[in-house]
Amino acid sequence: MCICVNCKHVKYCKTYILIQKQHQISITYTKSVFMPTNTLIKININNSYKKIQFDWDLIECLSFVEKPGNWLT
């Protein structure tokens, strides 16, 4: 699971916007001005029935500041 959903910076983080694009989710935030440091993205590759899917998750970020549910507001 992506740790971004519980981060204070989720609404304007460049890495989170990249992950949204990879999941083909429309961007709901207008500003992407925050560049986090030392991020680690895990990409799971699922191959089933001749269809390959990629699941992108940010699993480590030194800029992470916990604020549970921040992405909901």
PDB file of N, CA and C in Angstrom:
ATOM      1  N   MET A   1       0.834  -1.181   0.000  1.00  0.00           N
ATOM      2  CA  MET A   1       0.000   0.000   0.000  1.00  0.00           C
ATOM      3  C   MET A   1       0.878   1.245   0.000  1.00  0.00           C
ATOM      4  N   CYS A   2       0.473   2.226  -0.737  1.00  0.00           N
ATOM      5  CA  CYS A   2       1.204   3.481  -0.851  1.00  0.00           C
ATOM      6  C   CYS A   2       1.074   4.284   0.448  1.00  0.00           C
ATOM      7  N   ILE A   3       2.203   4.697   1.015  1.00  0.00           N
ATOM      8  CA  ILE A   3       2.168   5.456   2.263  1.00  0.00           C
ATOM      9  C   ILE A   3       1.697   6.886   2.054  1.00  0.00           C
ATOM     10  N   CYS A   4       1.581   7.320   0.820  1.00  0.00           N
ATOM     11  CA  CYS A   4       1.199   8.700   0.511  1.00  0.00           C
ATOM     12  C   CYS A   4      -0.154   9.103   1.090  1.00  0.00           C
ATOM     13  N   VAL A   5      -1.066   8.164   1.168  1.00  0.00           N
ATOM     14  CA  VAL A   5      -2.419   8.515   1.608  1.00  0.00           C
ATOM     15  C   VAL A   5      -2.444   9.047   3.035  1.00  0.00           C
ATOM     16  N   ASN A   6      -1.429   8.750   3.825  1.00  0.00           N
ATOM     17  CA  ASN A   6      -1.375   9.252   5.194  1.00  0.00           C
ATOM     18  C   ASN A   6      -0.275  10.284   5.399  1.00  0.00           C
ATOM     19  N   CYS A   7       0.098  10.974   4.332  1.00  0.00           N
ATOM     20  CA  CYS A   7       1.170  11.970   4.421  1.00  0.00           C
ATOM     21  C   CYS A   7       0.610  13.388   4.327  1.00  0.00           C
ATOM     22  N   LYS A   8       1.210  14.261   5.076  1.00  0.00           N
ATOM     23  CA  LYS A   8       0.829  15.677   5.087  1.00  0.00           C
ATOM     24  C   LYS A   8       0.996  16.321   3.707  1.00  0.00           C
ATOM     25  N   HIS A   9       1.941  15.841   2.919  1.00  0.00           N
ATOM     26  CA  HIS A   9       2.293  16.470   1.637  1.00  0.00           C
ATOM     27  C   HIS A   9       1.557  15.905   0.424  1.00  0.00           C
ATOM     28  N   VAL A  10       0.637  14.980   0.622  1.00  0.00           N
ATOM     29  CA  VAL A  10       0.026  14.232  -0.484  1.00  0.00           C
ATOM     30  C   VAL A  10      -0.630  15.141  -1.534  1.00  0.00           C
ATOM     31  N   LYS A  11      -1.196  16.246  -1.142  1.00  0.00           N
ATOM     32  CA  LYS A  11      -1.963  17.081  -2.071  1.00  0.00           C
ATOM     33  C   LYS A  11      -1.102  17.854  -3.066  1.00  0.00           C
ATOM     34  N   TYR A  12       0.189  17.966  -2.799  1.00  0.00           N
ATOM     35  CA  TYR A  12       1.033  18.738  -3.717  1.00  0.00           C
ATOM     36  C   TYR A  12       2.389  18.074  -3.962  1.00  0.00           C
ATOM     37  N   CYS A  13       2.453  16.772  -3.797  1.00  0.00           N
ATOM     38  CA  CYS A  13       3.698  16.019  -3.956  1.00  0.00           C
ATOM     39  C   CYS A  13       3.883  15.539  -5.405  1.00  0.00           C
ATOM     40  N   LYS A  14       5.029  15.823  -5.972  1.00  0.00           N
ATOM     41  CA  LYS A  14       5.319  15.417  -7.347  1.00  0.00           C
ATOM     42  C   LYS A  14       5.360  13.894  -7.495  1.00  0.00           C
ATOM     43  N   THR A  15       5.864  13.192  -6.512  1.00  0.00           N
ATOM     44  CA  THR A  15       5.942  11.731  -6.596  1.00  0.00           C
ATOM     45  C   THR A  15       4.557  11.110  -6.560  1.00  0.00           C
ATOM     46  N   TYR A  16       3.676  11.619  -5.716  1.00  0.00           N
ATOM     47  CA  TYR A  16       2.323  11.077  -5.650  1.00  0.00           C
ATOM     48  C   TYR A  16       1.579  11.317  -6.963  1.00  0.00           C
ATOM     49  N   ILE A  17       1.775  12.455  -7.565  1.00  0.00           N
ATOM     50  CA  ILE A  17       1.143  12.744  -8.850  1.00  0.00           C
ATOM     51  C   ILE A  17       1.675  11.785  -9.926  1.00  0.00           C
ATOM     52  N   LEU A  18       2.967  11.467  -9.880  1.00  0.00           N
ATOM     53  CA  LEU A  18       3.531  10.471 -10.802  1.00  0.00           C
ATOM     54  C   LEU A  18       2.848   9.119 -10.605  1.00  0.00           C
ATOM     55  N   ILE A  19       2.668   8.714  -9.360  1.00  0.00           N
ATOM     56  CA  ILE A  19       2.027   7.431  -9.079  1.00  0.00           C
ATOM     57  C   ILE A  19       0.577   7.441  -9.563  1.00  0.00           C
ATOM     58  N   GLN A  20      -0.131   8.544  -9.381  1.00  0.00           N
ATOM     59  CA  GLN A  20      -1.511   8.643  -9.886  1.00  0.00           C
ATOM     60  C   GLN A  20      -1.538   8.485 -11.401  1.00  0.00           C
ATOM     61  N   LYS A  21      -0.597   9.104 -12.086  1.00  0.00           N
ATOM     62  CA  LYS A  21      -0.547   8.985 -13.545  1.00  0.00           C
ATOM     63  C   LYS A  21      -0.292   7.540 -13.966  1.00  0.00           C
ATOM     64  N   GLN A  22       0.585   6.843 -13.260  1.00  0.00           N
ATOM     65  CA  GLN A  22       0.879   5.456 -13.590  1.00  0.00           C
ATOM     66  C   GLN A  22      -0.323   4.557 -13.376  1.00  0.00           C
ATOM     67  N   HIS A  23      -1.178   4.907 -12.417  1.00  0.00           N
ATOM     68  CA  HIS A  23      -2.411   4.155 -12.170  1.00  0.00           C
ATOM     69  C   HIS A  23      -3.549   4.636 -13.078  1.00  0.00           C
ATOM     70  N   GLN A  24      -3.239   5.579 -13.955  1.00  0.00           N
ATOM     71  CA  GLN A  24      -4.208   6.165 -14.886  1.00  0.00           C
ATOM     72  C   GLN A  24      -5.402   6.766 -14.157  1.00  0.00           C
ATOM     73  N   ILE A  25      -5.104   7.452 -13.065  1.00  0.00           N
ATOM     74  CA  ILE A  25      -6.113   8.159 -12.280  1.00  0.00           C
ATOM     75  C   ILE A  25      -6.002   9.638 -12.625  1.00  0.00           C
ATOM     76  N   SER A  26      -7.127  10.268 -12.851  1.00  0.00           N
ATOM     77  CA  SER A  26      -7.090  11.687 -13.178  1.00  0.00           C
ATOM     78  C   SER A  26      -6.549  12.476 -11.988  1.00  0.00           C
ATOM     79  N   ILE A  27      -5.763  13.473 -12.288  1.00  0.00           N
ATOM     80  CA  ILE A  27      -5.134  14.278 -11.255  1.00  0.00           C
ATOM     81  C   ILE A  27      -6.180  15.218 -10.659  1.00  0.00           C
ATOM     82  N   THR A  28      -6.333  15.139  -9.347  1.00  0.00           N
ATOM     83  CA  THR A  28      -7.330  15.961  -8.671  1.00  0.00           C
ATOM     84  C   THR A  28      -6.710  17.178  -7.998  1.00  0.00           C
ATOM     85  N   TYR A  29      -5.394  17.216  -7.926  1.00  0.00           N
ATOM     86  CA  TYR A  29      -4.717  18.330  -7.280  1.00  0.00           C
ATOM     87  C   TYR A  29      -4.087  19.217  -8.346  1.00  0.00           C
ATOM     88  N   THR A  30      -4.120  20.510  -8.138  1.00  0.00           N
ATOM     89  CA  THR A  30      -3.625  21.429  -9.158  1.00  0.00           C
ATOM     90  C   THR A  30      -2.161  21.778  -8.986  1.00  0.00           C
ATOM     91  N   LYS A  31      -1.648  21.806  -7.772  1.00  0.00           N
ATOM     92  CA  LYS A  31      -0.260  22.177  -7.548  1.00  0.00           C
ATOM     93  C   LYS A  31       0.573  20.948  -7.218  1.00  0.00           C
ATOM     94  N   SER A  32       1.675  20.796  -7.908  1.00  0.00           N
ATOM     95  CA  SER A  32       2.637  19.742  -7.578  1.00  0.00           C
ATOM     96  C   SER A  32       3.975  20.420  -7.351  1.00  0.00           C
ATOM     97  N   VAL A  33       4.103  21.053  -6.215  1.00  0.00           N
ATOM     98  CA  VAL A  33       5.272  21.879  -5.945  1.00  0.00           C
ATOM     99  C   VAL A  33       6.246  21.255  -4.956  1.00  0.00           C
ATOM    100  N   PHE A  34       5.883  20.140  -4.367  1.00  0.00           N
ATOM    101  CA  PHE A  34       6.733  19.532  -3.347  1.00  0.00           C
ATOM    102  C   PHE A  34       7.492  18.350  -3.934  1.00  0.00           C
ATOM    103  N   MET A  35       8.817  18.383  -3.838  1.00  0.00           N
ATOM    104  CA  MET A  35       9.652  17.285  -4.311  1.00  0.00           C
ATOM    105  C   MET A  35      10.227  16.570  -3.090  1.00  0.00           C
ATOM    106  N   PRO A  36       9.731  15.378  -2.790  1.00  0.00           N
ATOM    107  CA  PRO A  36      10.209  14.653  -1.617  1.00  0.00           C
ATOM    108  C   PRO A  36      11.623  14.119  -1.815  1.00  0.00           C
ATOM    109  N   THR A  37      12.266  13.798  -0.693  1.00  0.00           N
ATOM    110  CA  THR A  37      13.632  13.289  -0.765  1.00  0.00           C
ATOM    111  C   THR A  37      13.668  11.800  -0.454  1.00  0.00           C
ATOM    112  N   ASN A  38      14.580  11.135  -1.110  1.00  0.00           N
ATOM    113  CA  ASN A  38      14.860   9.709  -0.896  1.00  0.00           C
ATOM    114  C   ASN A  38      13.598   8.856  -0.863  1.00  0.00           C
ATOM    115  N   THR A  39      12.938   8.793  -1.975  1.00  0.00           N
ATOM    116  CA  THR A  39      11.734   7.975  -2.089  1.00  0.00           C
ATOM    117  C   THR A  39      12.083   6.605  -2.663  1.00  0.00           C
ATOM    118  N   LEU A  40      11.278   5.628  -2.291  1.00  0.00           N
ATOM    119  CA  LEU A  40      11.448   4.281  -2.806  1.00  0.00           C
ATOM    120  C   LEU A  40      10.091   3.795  -3.285  1.00  0.00           C
ATOM    121  N   ILE A  41       9.990   3.552  -4.588  1.00  0.00           N
ATOM    122  CA  ILE A  41       8.733   3.108  -5.193  1.00  0.00           C
ATOM    123  C   ILE A  41       8.845   1.623  -5.510  1.00  0.00           C
ATOM    124  N   LYS A  42       7.860   0.869  -5.069  1.00  0.00           N
ATOM    125  CA  LYS A  42       7.790  -0.562  -5.352  1.00  0.00           C
ATOM    126  C   LYS A  42       6.785  -0.764  -6.477  1.00  0.00           C
ATOM    127  N   ILE A  43       7.197  -1.474  -7.515  1.00  0.00           N
ATOM    128  CA  ILE A  43       6.317  -1.741  -8.653  1.00  0.00           C
ATOM    129  C   ILE A  43       6.073  -3.239  -8.726  1.00  0.00           C
ATOM    130  N   ASN A  44       4.832  -3.633  -8.505  1.00  0.00           N
ATOM    131  CA  ASN A  44       4.439  -5.033  -8.626  1.00  0.00           C
ATOM    132  C   ASN A  44       3.935  -5.270 -10.044  1.00  0.00           C
ATOM    133  N   ILE A  45       4.382  -6.349 -10.646  1.00  0.00           N
ATOM    134  CA  ILE A  45       3.961  -6.696 -12.003  1.00  0.00           C
ATOM    135  C   ILE A  45       3.056  -7.917 -11.916  1.00  0.00           C
ATOM    136  N   ASN A  46       1.818  -7.744 -12.353  1.00  0.00           N
ATOM    137  CA  ASN A  46       0.838  -8.822 -12.340  1.00  0.00           C
ATOM    138  C   ASN A  46       0.540  -9.241 -13.769  1.00  0.00           C
ATOM    139  N   ASN A  47       0.752 -10.513 -14.058  1.00  0.00           N
ATOM    140  CA  ASN A  47       0.527 -11.043 -15.391  1.00  0.00           C
ATOM    141  C   ASN A  47      -0.558 -12.107 -15.294  1.00  0.00           C
ATOM    142  N   SER A  48      -1.738 -11.781 -15.813  1.00  0.00           N
ATOM    143  CA  SER A  48      -2.826 -12.764 -15.785  1.00  0.00           C
ATOM    144  C   SER A  48      -3.640 -12.670 -17.069  1.00  0.00           C
ATOM    145  N   TYR A  49      -3.903 -13.809 -17.629  1.00  0.00           N
ATOM    146  CA  TYR A  49      -4.727 -13.892 -18.845  1.00  0.00           C
ATOM    147  C   TYR A  49      -4.250 -12.951 -19.945  1.00  0.00           C
ATOM    148  N   LYS A  50      -2.954 -12.994 -20.190  1.00  0.00           N
ATOM    149  CA  LYS A  50      -2.326 -12.211 -21.257  1.00  0.00           C
ATOM    150  C   LYS A  50      -2.435 -10.705 -21.060  1.00  0.00           C
ATOM    151  N   LYS A  51      -2.704 -10.283 -19.843  1.00  0.00           N
ATOM    152  CA  LYS A  51      -2.776  -8.860 -19.534  1.00  0.00           C
ATOM    153  C   LYS A  51      -1.777  -8.551 -18.420  1.00  0.00           C
ATOM    154  N   ILE A  52      -0.897  -7.600 -18.688  1.00  0.00           N
ATOM    155  CA  ILE A  52       0.108  -7.220 -17.697  1.00  0.00           C
ATOM    156  C   ILE A  52      -0.343  -5.928 -17.029  1.00  0.00           C
ATOM    157  N   GLN A  53      -0.338  -5.938 -15.705  1.00  0.00           N
ATOM    158  CA  GLN A  53      -0.712  -4.751 -14.935  1.00  0.00           C
ATOM    159  C   GLN A  53       0.423  -4.391 -13.988  1.00  0.00           C
ATOM    160  N   PHE A  54       0.621  -3.103 -13.806  1.00  0.00           N
ATOM    161  CA  PHE A  54       1.647  -2.605 -12.899  1.00  0.00           C
ATOM    162  C   PHE A  54       0.959  -1.910 -11.731  1.00  0.00           C
ATOM    163  N   ASP A  55       1.408  -2.218 -10.528  1.00  0.00           N
ATOM    164  CA  ASP A  55       0.882  -1.581  -9.328  1.00  0.00           C
ATOM    165  C   ASP A  55       2.021  -0.814  -8.666  1.00  0.00           C
ATOM    166  N   TRP A  56       1.905   0.506  -8.645  1.00  0.00           N
ATOM    167  CA  TRP A  56       2.943   1.377  -8.120  1.00  0.00           C
ATOM    168  C   TRP A  56       2.602   1.773  -6.688  1.00  0.00           C
ATOM    169  N   ASP A  57       3.551   1.604  -5.772  1.00  0.00           N
ATOM    170  CA  ASP A  57       3.364   1.987  -4.383  1.00  0.00           C
ATOM    171  C   ASP A  57       4.624   2.655  -3.850  1.00  0.00           C
ATOM    172  N   LEU A  58       4.445   3.781  -3.216  1.00  0.00           N
ATOM    173  CA  LEU A  58       5.556   4.432  -2.530  1.00  0.00           C
ATOM    174  C   LEU A  58       5.667   3.769  -1.162  1.00  0.00           C
ATOM    175  N   ILE A  59       6.805   3.159  -0.888  1.00  0.00           N
ATOM    176  CA  ILE A  59       6.935   2.423   0.369  1.00  0.00           C
ATOM    177  C   ILE A  59       7.904   3.084   1.346  1.00  0.00           C
ATOM    178  N   GLU A  60       8.691   4.051   0.857  1.00  0.00           N
ATOM    179  CA  GLU A  60       9.621   4.747   1.737  1.00  0.00           C
ATOM    180  C   GLU A  60       9.844   6.156   1.230  1.00  0.00           C
ATOM    181  N   CYS A  61       9.862   7.110   2.161  1.00  0.00           N
ATOM    182  CA  CYS A  61      10.058   8.514   1.797  1.00  0.00           C
ATOM    183  C   CYS A  61      10.559   9.259   3.030  1.00  0.00           C
ATOM    184  N   LEU A  62      11.709   9.900   2.926  1.00  0.00           N
ATOM    185  CA  LEU A  62      12.238  10.636   4.072  1.00  0.00           C
ATOM    186  C   LEU A  62      11.461  11.916   4.353  1.00  0.00           C
ATOM    187  N   SER A  63      10.666  12.365   3.417  1.00  0.00           N
ATOM    188  CA  SER A  63       9.858  13.569   3.616  1.00  0.00           C
ATOM    189  C   SER A  63       8.490  13.268   4.218  1.00  0.00           C
ATOM    190  N   PHE A  64       8.207  12.008   4.478  1.00  0.00           N
ATOM    191  CA  PHE A  64       6.901  11.601   5.001  1.00  0.00           C
ATOM    192  C   PHE A  64       6.641  12.238   6.363  1.00  0.00           C
ATOM    193  N   VAL A  65       5.486  12.905   6.471  1.00  0.00           N
ATOM    194  CA  VAL A  65       5.010  13.464   7.734  1.00  0.00           C
ATOM    195  C   VAL A  65       3.592  12.935   7.917  1.00  0.00           C
ATOM    196  N   GLU A  66       3.390  12.138   8.948  1.00  0.00           N
ATOM    197  CA  GLU A  66       2.115  11.459   9.115  1.00  0.00           C
ATOM    198  C   GLU A  66       0.970  12.422   9.424  1.00  0.00           C
ATOM    199  N   LYS A  67      -0.083  12.279   8.636  1.00  0.00           N
ATOM    200  CA  LYS A  67      -1.344  12.990   8.834  1.00  0.00           C
ATOM    201  C   LYS A  67      -2.435  12.075   8.254  1.00  0.00           C
ATOM    202  N   PRO A  68      -2.884  11.096   9.051  1.00  0.00           N
ATOM    203  CA  PRO A  68      -3.818  10.087   8.563  1.00  0.00           C
ATOM    204  C   PRO A  68      -5.074  10.688   7.901  1.00  0.00           C
ATOM    205  N   GLY A  69      -5.432  10.150   6.733  1.00  0.00           N
ATOM    206  CA  GLY A  69      -6.628  10.575   6.020  1.00  0.00           C
ATOM    207  C   GLY A  69      -6.527  11.918   5.332  1.00  0.00           C
ATOM    208  N   ASN A  70      -5.343  12.491   5.233  1.00  0.00           N
ATOM    209  CA  ASN A  70      -5.179  13.822   4.619  1.00  0.00           C
ATOM    210  C   ASN A  70      -5.660  13.859   3.179  1.00  0.00           C
ATOM    211  N   TRP A  71      -5.551  12.763   2.451  1.00  0.00           N
ATOM    212  CA  TRP A  71      -5.961  12.728   1.040  1.00  0.00           C
ATOM    213  C   TRP A  71      -7.468  12.821   0.884  1.00  0.00           C
ATOM    214  N   LEU A  72      -8.229  12.577   1.953  1.00  0.00           N
ATOM    215  CA  LEU A  72      -9.692  12.640   1.871  1.00  0.00           C
ATOM    216  C   LEU A  72     -10.237  14.061   1.826  1.00  0.00           C
ATOM    217  N   THR A  73      -9.506  15.004   2.380  1.00  0.00           N
ATOM    218  CA  THR A  73     -10.003  16.382   2.473  1.00  0.00           C
ATOM    219  C   THR A  73      -9.634  17.210   1.291  1.00  0.00           C
TER     220      THR A  73
END
